[in-house]
Amino acid sequence: YVEPLITKAKTDSTNSRRVVFSYLQEKKAIIE
C-alpha cells in the first residue's frame, strides 16, 4: 500500500499530492 505512495511522492507536483492525499487523508503526513 505505502511503497507506491512513496514513489509518487518523489515527484512533487500538485497532481501527485492530490493522488497521495486521496489515500492518506492526513495533511501532516503528506507534508512529512
Full PDB file with SEQRES, HELIX, SHEET, SSBOND, CRYST1, ORIGX, SCALE, CONECT and MASTER records, all heavy atoms in Angstrom:
SEQRES   1 A   32  TYR VAL GLU PRO LEU ILE THR LYS ALA LYS THR ASP SER          
SEQRES   2 A   32  THR ASN SER ARG ARG VAL VAL PHE SER TYR LEU GLN GLU          
SEQRES   3 A   32  LYS LYS ALA ILE ILE GLU                                      
HELIX    1 AA1 GLU A    3  ALA A    9  1                                   7    
HELIX    2 AA2 THR A   14  LEU A   24  1                                  11    
HELIX    3 AA3 LYS A   27  ILE A   31  1                                   5    
CRYST1    1.000    1.000    1.000  90.00  90.00  90.00 P 1           1          
ORIGX1      1.000000  0.000000  0.000000        0.00000                         
ORIGX2      0.000000  1.000000  0.000000        0.00000                         
ORIGX3      0.000000  0.000000  1.000000        0.00000                         
SCALE1      1.000000  0.000000  0.000000        0.00000                         
SCALE2      0.000000  1.000000  0.000000        0.00000                         
SCALE3      0.000000  0.000000  1.000000        0.00000                         
ATOM      1  N   TYR A   1       0.819  -1.214   0.000  1.00  0.00           N  
ATOM      2  CA  TYR A   1       0.000   0.000   0.000  1.00  0.00           C  
ATOM      3  C   TYR A   1       0.850   1.260   0.000  1.00  0.00           C  
ATOM      4  O   TYR A   1       0.551   2.226  -0.698  1.00  0.00           O  
ATOM      5  CB  TYR A   1      -0.907  -0.032   1.240  1.00  0.00           C  
ATOM      6  CG  TYR A   1      -1.925   1.079   1.325  1.00  0.00           C  
ATOM      7  CD1 TYR A   1      -3.157   0.961   0.701  1.00  0.00           C  
ATOM      8  CD2 TYR A   1      -1.667   2.228   2.065  1.00  0.00           C  
ATOM      9  CE1 TYR A   1      -4.114   1.962   0.806  1.00  0.00           C  
ATOM     10  CE2 TYR A   1      -2.615   3.231   2.172  1.00  0.00           C  
ATOM     11  CZ  TYR A   1      -3.827   3.095   1.543  1.00  0.00           C  
ATOM     12  OH  TYR A   1      -4.767   4.080   1.640  1.00  0.00           O  
ATOM     13  N   VAL A   2       1.936   1.272   0.792  1.00  0.00           N  
ATOM     14  CA  VAL A   2       2.666   2.514   1.030  1.00  0.00           C  
ATOM     15  C   VAL A   2       3.815   2.739   0.042  1.00  0.00           C  
ATOM     16  O   VAL A   2       4.159   3.887  -0.243  1.00  0.00           O  
ATOM     17  CB  VAL A   2       3.155   2.577   2.496  1.00  0.00           C  
ATOM     18  CG1 VAL A   2       4.394   1.739   2.710  1.00  0.00           C  
ATOM     19  CG2 VAL A   2       3.403   4.000   2.933  1.00  0.00           C  
ATOM     20  N   GLU A   3       4.379   1.687  -0.504  1.00  0.00           N  
ATOM     21  CA  GLU A   3       5.518   1.886  -1.405  1.00  0.00           C  
ATOM     22  C   GLU A   3       5.154   2.649  -2.679  1.00  0.00           C  
ATOM     23  O   GLU A   3       5.904   3.526  -3.100  1.00  0.00           O  
ATOM     24  CB  GLU A   3       6.197   0.545  -1.705  1.00  0.00           C  
ATOM     25  CG  GLU A   3       6.879   0.008  -0.464  1.00  0.00           C  
ATOM     26  CD  GLU A   3       8.162  -0.733  -0.740  1.00  0.00           C  
ATOM     27  OE1 GLU A   3       8.561  -0.826  -1.910  1.00  0.00           O  
ATOM     28  OE2 GLU A   3       8.765  -1.191   0.229  1.00  0.00           O  
ATOM     29  N   PRO A   4       4.008   2.393  -3.326  1.00  0.00           N  
ATOM     30  CA  PRO A   4       3.644   3.235  -4.464  1.00  0.00           C  
ATOM     31  C   PRO A   4       3.405   4.693  -4.082  1.00  0.00           C  
ATOM     32  O   PRO A   4       3.672   5.601  -4.880  1.00  0.00           O  
ATOM     33  CB  PRO A   4       2.347   2.602  -4.990  1.00  0.00           C  
ATOM     34  CG  PRO A   4       2.400   1.198  -4.530  1.00  0.00           C  
ATOM     35  CD  PRO A   4       3.109   1.220  -3.223  1.00  0.00           C  
ATOM     36  N   LEU A   5       2.941   4.931  -2.852  1.00  0.00           N  
ATOM     37  CA  LEU A   5       2.738   6.312  -2.407  1.00  0.00           C  
ATOM     38  C   LEU A   5       4.080   7.030  -2.255  1.00  0.00           C  
ATOM     39  O   LEU A   5       4.203   8.210  -2.596  1.00  0.00           O  
ATOM     40  CB  LEU A   5       1.977   6.345  -1.086  1.00  0.00           C  
ATOM     41  CG  LEU A   5       0.569   5.748  -1.092  1.00  0.00           C  
ATOM     42  CD1 LEU A   5      -0.050   5.859   0.289  1.00  0.00           C  
ATOM     43  CD2 LEU A   5      -0.288   6.412  -2.131  1.00  0.00           C  
ATOM     44  N   ILE A   6       5.078   6.333  -1.754  1.00  0.00           N  
ATOM     45  CA  ILE A   6       6.404   6.942  -1.600  1.00  0.00           C  
ATOM     46  C   ILE A   6       7.009   7.213  -2.976  1.00  0.00           C  
ATOM     47  O   ILE A   6       7.632   8.254  -3.201  1.00  0.00           O  
ATOM     48  CB  ILE A   6       7.311   6.050  -0.740  1.00  0.00           C  
ATOM     49  CG1 ILE A   6       6.736   5.945   0.677  1.00  0.00           C  
ATOM     50  CG2 ILE A   6       8.725   6.600  -0.685  1.00  0.00           C  
ATOM     51  CD1 ILE A   6       7.446   4.950   1.563  1.00  0.00           C  
ATOM     52  N   THR A   7       6.801   6.290  -3.907  1.00  0.00           N  
ATOM     53  CA  THR A   7       7.288   6.511  -5.271  1.00  0.00           C  
ATOM     54  C   THR A   7       6.607   7.723  -5.891  1.00  0.00           C  
ATOM     55  O   THR A   7       7.247   8.537  -6.563  1.00  0.00           O  
ATOM     56  CB  THR A   7       7.026   5.266  -6.139  1.00  0.00           C  
ATOM     57  OG1 THR A   7       7.670   4.148  -5.534  1.00  0.00           O  
ATOM     58  CG2 THR A   7       7.547   5.453  -7.541  1.00  0.00           C  
ATOM     59  N   LYS A   8       5.312   7.868  -5.638  1.00  0.00           N  
ATOM     60  CA  LYS A   8       4.563   9.014  -6.163  1.00  0.00           C  
ATOM     61  C   LYS A   8       5.068  10.313  -5.548  1.00  0.00           C  
ATOM     62  O   LYS A   8       5.076  11.353  -6.199  1.00  0.00           O  
ATOM     63  CB  LYS A   8       3.076   8.818  -5.848  1.00  0.00           C  
ATOM     64  CG  LYS A   8       2.166   9.719  -6.577  1.00  0.00           C  
ATOM     65  CD  LYS A   8       2.108   9.330  -8.024  1.00  0.00           C  
ATOM     66  CE  LYS A   8       0.805   9.721  -8.644  1.00  0.00           C  
ATOM     67  NZ  LYS A   8       0.856   9.583 -10.096  1.00  0.00           N  
ATOM     68  N   ALA A   9       5.514  10.261  -4.294  1.00  0.00           N  
ATOM     69  CA  ALA A   9       5.957  11.469  -3.603  1.00  0.00           C  
ATOM     70  C   ALA A   9       7.314  11.958  -4.101  1.00  0.00           C  
ATOM     71  O   ALA A   9       7.709  13.087  -3.791  1.00  0.00           O  
ATOM     72  CB  ALA A   9       6.021  11.207  -2.101  1.00  0.00           C  
ATOM     73  N   LYS A  10       8.032  11.134  -4.847  1.00  0.00           N  
ATOM     74  CA  LYS A  10       9.341  11.562  -5.356  1.00  0.00           C  
ATOM     75  C   LYS A  10       9.211  12.697  -6.366  1.00  0.00           C  
ATOM     76  O   LYS A  10      10.132  13.496  -6.524  1.00  0.00           O  
ATOM     77  CB  LYS A  10      10.080  10.365  -5.966  1.00  0.00           C  
ATOM     78  CG  LYS A  10      10.591   9.417  -4.883  1.00  0.00           C  
ATOM     79  CD  LYS A  10      10.959   8.061  -5.405  1.00  0.00           C  
ATOM     80  CE  LYS A  10      12.174   8.029  -6.262  1.00  0.00           C  
ATOM     81  NZ  LYS A  10      12.611   6.645  -6.559  1.00  0.00           N  
ATOM     82  N   THR A  11       8.073  12.777  -7.055  1.00  0.00           N  
ATOM     83  CA  THR A  11       7.802  13.905  -7.946  1.00  0.00           C  
ATOM     84  C   THR A  11       6.815  14.824  -7.234  1.00  0.00           C  
ATOM     85  O   THR A  11       5.658  14.475  -7.062  1.00  0.00           O  
ATOM     86  CB  THR A  11       7.205  13.435  -9.280  1.00  0.00           C  
ATOM     87  OG1 THR A  11       6.013  12.714  -9.013  1.00  0.00           O  
ATOM     88  CG2 THR A  11       8.182  12.554 -10.032  1.00  0.00           C  
ATOM     89  N   ASP A  12       7.291  15.977  -6.810  1.00  0.00           N  
ATOM     90  CA  ASP A  12       6.467  16.893  -6.028  1.00  0.00           C  
ATOM     91  C   ASP A  12       5.673  17.788  -6.973  1.00  0.00           C  
ATOM     92  O   ASP A  12       6.143  18.839  -7.408  1.00  0.00           O  
ATOM     93  CB  ASP A  12       7.353  17.725  -5.096  1.00  0.00           C  
ATOM     94  CG  ASP A  12       6.538  18.524  -4.098  1.00  0.00           C  
ATOM     95  OD1 ASP A  12       5.309  18.309  -4.038  1.00  0.00           O  
ATOM     96  OD2 ASP A  12       7.117  19.350  -3.382  1.00  0.00           O  
ATOM     97  N   SER A  13       4.480  17.342  -7.308  1.00  0.00           N  
ATOM     98  CA  SER A  13       3.591  18.147  -8.146  1.00  0.00           C  
ATOM     99  C   SER A  13       2.216  18.187  -7.491  1.00  0.00           C  
ATOM    100  O   SER A  13       1.923  17.430  -6.574  1.00  0.00           O  
ATOM    101  CB  SER A  13       3.488  17.534  -9.550  1.00  0.00           C  
ATOM    102  OG  SER A  13       2.869  16.273  -9.473  1.00  0.00           O  
ATOM    103  N   THR A  14       1.388  19.062  -7.961  1.00  0.00           N  
ATOM    104  CA  THR A  14       0.047  19.181  -7.402  1.00  0.00           C  
ATOM    105  C   THR A  14      -0.738  17.892  -7.607  1.00  0.00           C  
ATOM    106  O   THR A  14      -1.442  17.432  -6.709  1.00  0.00           O  
ATOM    107  CB  THR A  14      -0.700  20.350  -8.065  1.00  0.00           C  
ATOM    108  OG1 THR A  14       0.084  21.533  -7.922  1.00  0.00           O  
ATOM    109  CG2 THR A  14      -2.054  20.567  -7.421  1.00  0.00           C  
ATOM    110  N   ASN A  15      -0.597  17.301  -8.775  1.00  0.00           N  
ATOM    111  CA  ASN A  15      -1.332  16.071  -9.042  1.00  0.00           C  
ATOM    112  C   ASN A  15      -0.880  14.941  -8.124  1.00  0.00           C  
ATOM    113  O   ASN A  15      -1.717  14.217  -7.577  1.00  0.00           O  
ATOM    114  CB  ASN A  15      -1.146  15.655 -10.497  1.00  0.00           C  
ATOM    115  CG  ASN A  15      -1.932  14.419 -10.827  1.00  0.00           C  
ATOM    116  OD1 ASN A  15      -3.127  14.358 -10.543  1.00  0.00           O  
ATOM    117  ND2 ASN A  15      -1.283  13.426 -11.388  1.00  0.00           N  
ATOM    118  N   SER A  16       0.423  14.782  -7.949  1.00  0.00           N  
ATOM    119  CA  SER A  16       0.888  13.690  -7.096  1.00  0.00           C  
ATOM    120  C   SER A  16       0.481  13.917  -5.639  1.00  0.00           C  
ATOM    121  O   SER A  16       0.140  12.966  -4.930  1.00  0.00           O  
ATOM    122  CB  SER A  16       2.405  13.512  -7.212  1.00  0.00           C  
ATOM    123  OG  SER A  16       3.075  14.662  -6.791  1.00  0.00           O  
ATOM    124  N   ARG A  17       0.467  15.169  -5.192  1.00  0.00           N  
ATOM    125  CA  ARG A  17      -0.002  15.454  -3.826  1.00  0.00           C  
ATOM    126  C   ARG A  17      -1.488  15.103  -3.686  1.00  0.00           C  
ATOM    127  O   ARG A  17      -1.899  14.559  -2.666  1.00  0.00           O  
ATOM    128  CB  ARG A  17       0.217  16.924  -3.475  1.00  0.00           C  
ATOM    129  CG  ARG A  17       1.636  17.245  -3.096  1.00  0.00           C  
ATOM    130  CD  ARG A  17       1.763  18.697  -2.686  1.00  0.00           C  
ATOM    131  NE  ARG A  17       3.133  19.001  -2.317  1.00  0.00           N  
ATOM    132  CZ  ARG A  17       3.582  18.983  -1.069  1.00  0.00           C  
ATOM    133  NH1 ARG A  17       2.784  18.693  -0.079  1.00  0.00           N  
ATOM    134  NH2 ARG A  17       4.842  19.255  -0.805  1.00  0.00           N  
ATOM    135  N   ARG A  18      -2.290  15.396  -4.686  1.00  0.00           N  
ATOM    136  CA  ARG A  18      -3.719  15.085  -4.615  1.00  0.00           C  
ATOM    137  C   ARG A  18      -3.970  13.584  -4.638  1.00  0.00           C  
ATOM    138  O   ARG A  18      -4.845  13.077  -3.937  1.00  0.00           O  
ATOM    139  CB  ARG A  18      -4.458  15.766  -5.763  1.00  0.00           C  
ATOM    140  CG  ARG A  18      -4.601  17.248  -5.563  1.00  0.00           C  
ATOM    141  CD  ARG A  18      -5.295  17.910  -6.727  1.00  0.00           C  
ATOM    142  NE  ARG A  18      -5.459  19.335  -6.471  1.00  0.00           N  
ATOM    143  CZ  ARG A  18      -5.788  20.223  -7.381  1.00  0.00           C  
ATOM    144  NH1 ARG A  18      -5.987  19.835  -8.632  1.00  0.00           N  
ATOM    145  NH2 ARG A  18      -5.922  21.491  -7.073  1.00  0.00           N  
ATOM    146  N   VAL A  19      -3.190  12.877  -5.445  1.00  0.00           N  
ATOM    147  CA  VAL A  19      -3.347  11.421  -5.508  1.00  0.00           C  
ATOM    148  C   VAL A  19      -2.981  10.794  -4.170  1.00  0.00           C  
ATOM    149  O   VAL A  19      -3.709   9.943  -3.643  1.00  0.00           O  
ATOM    150  CB  VAL A  19      -2.492  10.836  -6.651  1.00  0.00           C  
ATOM    151  CG1 VAL A  19      -2.410   9.326  -6.561  1.00  0.00           C  
ATOM    152  CG2 VAL A  19      -3.051  11.258  -7.991  1.00  0.00           C  
ATOM    153  N   VAL A  20      -1.861  11.210  -3.587  1.00  0.00           N  
ATOM    154  CA  VAL A  20      -1.436  10.659  -2.299  1.00  0.00           C  
ATOM    155  C   VAL A  20      -2.414  11.065  -1.198  1.00  0.00           C  
ATOM    156  O   VAL A  20      -2.737  10.262  -0.314  1.00  0.00           O  
ATOM    157  CB  VAL A  20       0.011  11.104  -1.971  1.00  0.00           C  
ATOM    158  CG1 VAL A  20       0.398  10.703  -0.568  1.00  0.00           C  
ATOM    159  CG2 VAL A  20       0.973  10.503  -2.971  1.00  0.00           C  
ATOM    160  N   PHE A  21      -2.937  12.280  -1.258  1.00  0.00           N  
ATOM    161  CA  PHE A  21      -3.900  12.727  -0.251  1.00  0.00           C  
ATOM    162  C   PHE A  21      -5.199  11.917  -0.317  1.00  0.00           C  
ATOM    163  O   PHE A  21      -5.843  11.683   0.709  1.00  0.00           O  
ATOM    164  CB  PHE A  21      -4.211  14.216  -0.406  1.00  0.00           C  
ATOM    165  CG  PHE A  21      -5.089  14.760   0.682  1.00  0.00           C  
ATOM    166  CD1 PHE A  21      -4.563  15.006   1.944  1.00  0.00           C  
ATOM    167  CD2 PHE A  21      -6.428  14.993   0.457  1.00  0.00           C  
ATOM    168  CE1 PHE A  21      -5.372  15.498   2.963  1.00  0.00           C  
ATOM    169  CE2 PHE A  21      -7.248  15.492   1.466  1.00  0.00           C  
ATOM    170  CZ  PHE A  21      -6.715  15.737   2.721  1.00  0.00           C  
ATOM    171  N   SER A  22      -5.550  11.444  -1.507  1.00  0.00           N  
ATOM    172  CA  SER A  22      -6.757  10.620  -1.622  1.00  0.00           C  
ATOM    173  C   SER A  22      -6.598   9.286  -0.904  1.00  0.00           C  
ATOM    174  O   SER A  22      -7.580   8.682  -0.482  1.00  0.00           O  
ATOM    175  CB  SER A  22      -7.113  10.385  -3.090  1.00  0.00           C  
ATOM    176  OG  SER A  22      -6.184   9.503  -3.686  1.00  0.00           O  
ATOM    177  N   TYR A  23      -5.352   8.838  -0.719  1.00  0.00           N  
ATOM    178  CA  TYR A  23      -5.098   7.602   0.009  1.00  0.00           C  
ATOM    179  C   TYR A  23      -4.916   7.831   1.504  1.00  0.00           C  
ATOM    180  O   TYR A  23      -5.302   6.995   2.308  1.00  0.00           O  
ATOM    181  CB  TYR A  23      -3.838   6.914  -0.531  1.00  0.00           C  
ATOM    182  CG  TYR A  23      -4.052   6.241  -1.858  1.00  0.00           C  
ATOM    183  CD1 TYR A  23      -3.754   6.892  -3.042  1.00  0.00           C  
ATOM    184  CD2 TYR A  23      -4.548   4.946  -1.920  1.00  0.00           C  
ATOM    185  CE1 TYR A  23      -3.944   6.276  -4.259  1.00  0.00           C  
ATOM    186  CE2 TYR A  23      -4.735   4.320  -3.136  1.00  0.00           C  
ATOM    187  CZ  TYR A  23      -4.432   4.988  -4.301  1.00  0.00           C  
ATOM    188  OH  TYR A  23      -4.634   4.381  -5.502  1.00  0.00           O  
ATOM    189  N   LEU A  24      -4.291   8.934   1.892  1.00  0.00           N  
ATOM    190  CA  LEU A  24      -3.904   9.110   3.296  1.00  0.00           C  
ATOM    191  C   LEU A  24      -4.850   9.984   4.107  1.00  0.00           C  
ATOM    192  O   LEU A  24      -5.044   9.733   5.287  1.00  0.00           O  
ATOM    193  CB  LEU A  24      -2.487   9.688   3.383  1.00  0.00           C  
ATOM    194  CG  LEU A  24      -1.366   8.788   2.878  1.00  0.00           C  
ATOM    195  CD1 LEU A  24      -0.030   9.463   3.080  1.00  0.00           C  
ATOM    196  CD2 LEU A  24      -1.392   7.445   3.565  1.00  0.00           C  
ATOM    197  N   GLN A  25      -5.379  11.060   3.544  1.00  0.00           N  
ATOM    198  CA  GLN A  25      -6.318  11.950   4.239  1.00  0.00           C  
ATOM    199  C   GLN A  25      -5.738  12.580   5.500  1.00  0.00           C  
ATOM    200  O   GLN A  25      -6.445  12.789   6.476  1.00  0.00           O  
ATOM    201  CB  GLN A  25      -7.604  11.186   4.605  1.00  0.00           C  
ATOM    202  CG  GLN A  25      -8.361  10.615   3.435  1.00  0.00           C  
ATOM    203  CD  GLN A  25      -9.002  11.689   2.570  1.00  0.00           C  
ATOM    204  OE1 GLN A  25      -9.534  12.643   3.094  1.00  0.00           O  
ATOM    205  NE2 GLN A  25      -8.928  11.530   1.269  1.00  0.00           N  
ATOM    206  N   GLU A  26      -4.447  12.867   5.519  1.00  0.00           N  
ATOM    207  CA  GLU A  26      -3.813  13.472   6.698  1.00  0.00           C  
ATOM    208  C   GLU A  26      -2.777  14.487   6.208  1.00  0.00           C  
ATOM    209  O   GLU A  26      -1.761  14.121   5.623  1.00  0.00           O  
ATOM    210  CB  GLU A  26      -3.144  12.390   7.543  1.00  0.00           C  
ATOM    211  CG  GLU A  26      -2.499  12.882   8.808  1.00  0.00           C  
ATOM    212  CD  GLU A  26      -3.508  13.345   9.838  1.00  0.00           C  
ATOM    213  OE1 GLU A  26      -4.581  12.733   9.953  1.00  0.00           O  
ATOM    214  OE2 GLU A  26      -3.197  14.333  10.520  1.00  0.00           O  
ATOM    215  N   LYS A  27      -3.026  15.777   6.474  1.00  0.00           N  
ATOM    216  CA  LYS A  27      -2.158  16.831   5.944  1.00  0.00           C  
ATOM    217  C   LYS A  27      -0.736  16.740   6.481  1.00  0.00           C  
ATOM    218  O   LYS A  27       0.228  16.918   5.740  1.00  0.00           O  
ATOM    219  CB  LYS A  27      -2.746  18.206   6.271  1.00  0.00           C  
ATOM    220  CG  LYS A  27      -3.918  18.589   5.412  1.00  0.00           C  
ATOM    221  CD  LYS A  27      -4.355  19.997   5.692  1.00  0.00           C  
ATOM    222  CE  LYS A  27      -5.537  20.379   4.834  1.00  0.00           C  
ATOM    223  NZ  LYS A  27      -5.988  21.743   5.095  1.00  0.00           N  
ATOM    224  N   LYS A  28      -0.590  16.463   7.775  1.00  0.00           N  
ATOM    225  CA  LYS A  28       0.750  16.391   8.363  1.00  0.00           C  
ATOM    226  C   LYS A  28       1.564  15.253   7.760  1.00  0.00           C  
ATOM    227  O   LYS A  28       2.769  15.383   7.542  1.00  0.00           O  
ATOM    228  CB  LYS A  28       0.662  16.240   9.874  1.00  0.00           C  
ATOM    229  CG  LYS A  28       0.130  17.468  10.556  1.00  0.00           C  
ATOM    230  CD  LYS A  28       0.040  17.280  12.049  1.00  0.00           C  
ATOM    231  CE  LYS A  28      -0.580  18.515  12.691  1.00  0.00           C  
ATOM    232  NZ  LYS A  28      -0.767  18.347  14.126  1.00  0.00           N  
ATOM    233  N   ALA A  29       0.897  14.144   7.474  1.00  0.00           N  
ATOM    234  CA  ALA A  29       1.590  13.007   6.859  1.00  0.00           C  
ATOM    235  C   ALA A  29       2.026  13.344   5.434  1.00  0.00           C  
ATOM    236  O   ALA A  29       3.108  12.952   4.998  1.00  0.00           O  
ATOM    237  CB  ALA A  29       0.702  11.777   6.868  1.00  0.00           C  
ATOM    238  N   ILE A  30       1.196  14.092   4.717  1.00  0.00           N  
ATOM    239  CA  ILE A  30       1.540  14.493   3.345  1.00  0.00           C  
ATOM    240  C   ILE A  30       2.753  15.417   3.357  1.00  0.00           C  
ATOM    241  O   ILE A  30       3.681  15.265   2.550  1.00  0.00           O  
ATOM    242  CB  ILE A  30       0.337  15.191   2.670  1.00  0.00           C  
ATOM    243  CG1 ILE A  30      -0.872  14.281   2.625  1.00  0.00           C  
ATOM    244  CG2 ILE A  30       0.698  15.688   1.287  1.00  0.00           C  
ATOM    245  CD1 ILE A  30      -0.721  13.073   1.767  1.00  0.00           C  
ATOM    246  N   ILE A  31       2.770  16.357   4.284  1.00  0.00           N  
ATOM    247  CA  ILE A  31       3.902  17.285   4.380  1.00  0.00           C  
ATOM    248  C   ILE A  31       5.183  16.520   4.707  1.00  0.00           C  
ATOM    249  O   ILE A  31       6.236  16.742   4.102  1.00  0.00           O  
ATOM    250  CB  ILE A  31       3.611  18.372   5.439  1.00  0.00           C  
ATOM    251  CG1 ILE A  31       2.479  19.270   4.949  1.00  0.00           C  
ATOM    252  CG2 ILE A  31       4.852  19.186   5.750  1.00  0.00           C  
ATOM    253  CD1 ILE A  31       1.904  20.178   6.018  1.00  0.00           C  
ATOM    254  N   GLU A  32       5.096  15.590   5.651  1.00  0.00           N  
ATOM    255  CA  GLU A  32       6.262  14.777   6.034  1.00  0.00           C  
ATOM    256  C   GLU A  32       6.736  13.922   4.865  1.00  0.00           C  
ATOM    257  O   GLU A  32       7.933  13.813   4.598  1.00  0.00           O  
ATOM    258  CB  GLU A  32       5.883  13.887   7.227  1.00  0.00           C  
ATOM    259  CG  GLU A  32       6.990  13.001   7.732  1.00  0.00           C  
ATOM    260  CD  GLU A  32       8.009  13.739   8.561  1.00  0.00           C  
ATOM    261  OE1 GLU A  32       7.736  14.874   8.990  1.00  0.00           O  
ATOM    262  OE2 GLU A  32       9.095  13.167   8.779  1.00  0.00           O  
TER     263      GLU A  32                                                      
MASTER        0    0    0    3    0    0    0    6  262    1    0    3          
END                                                                             
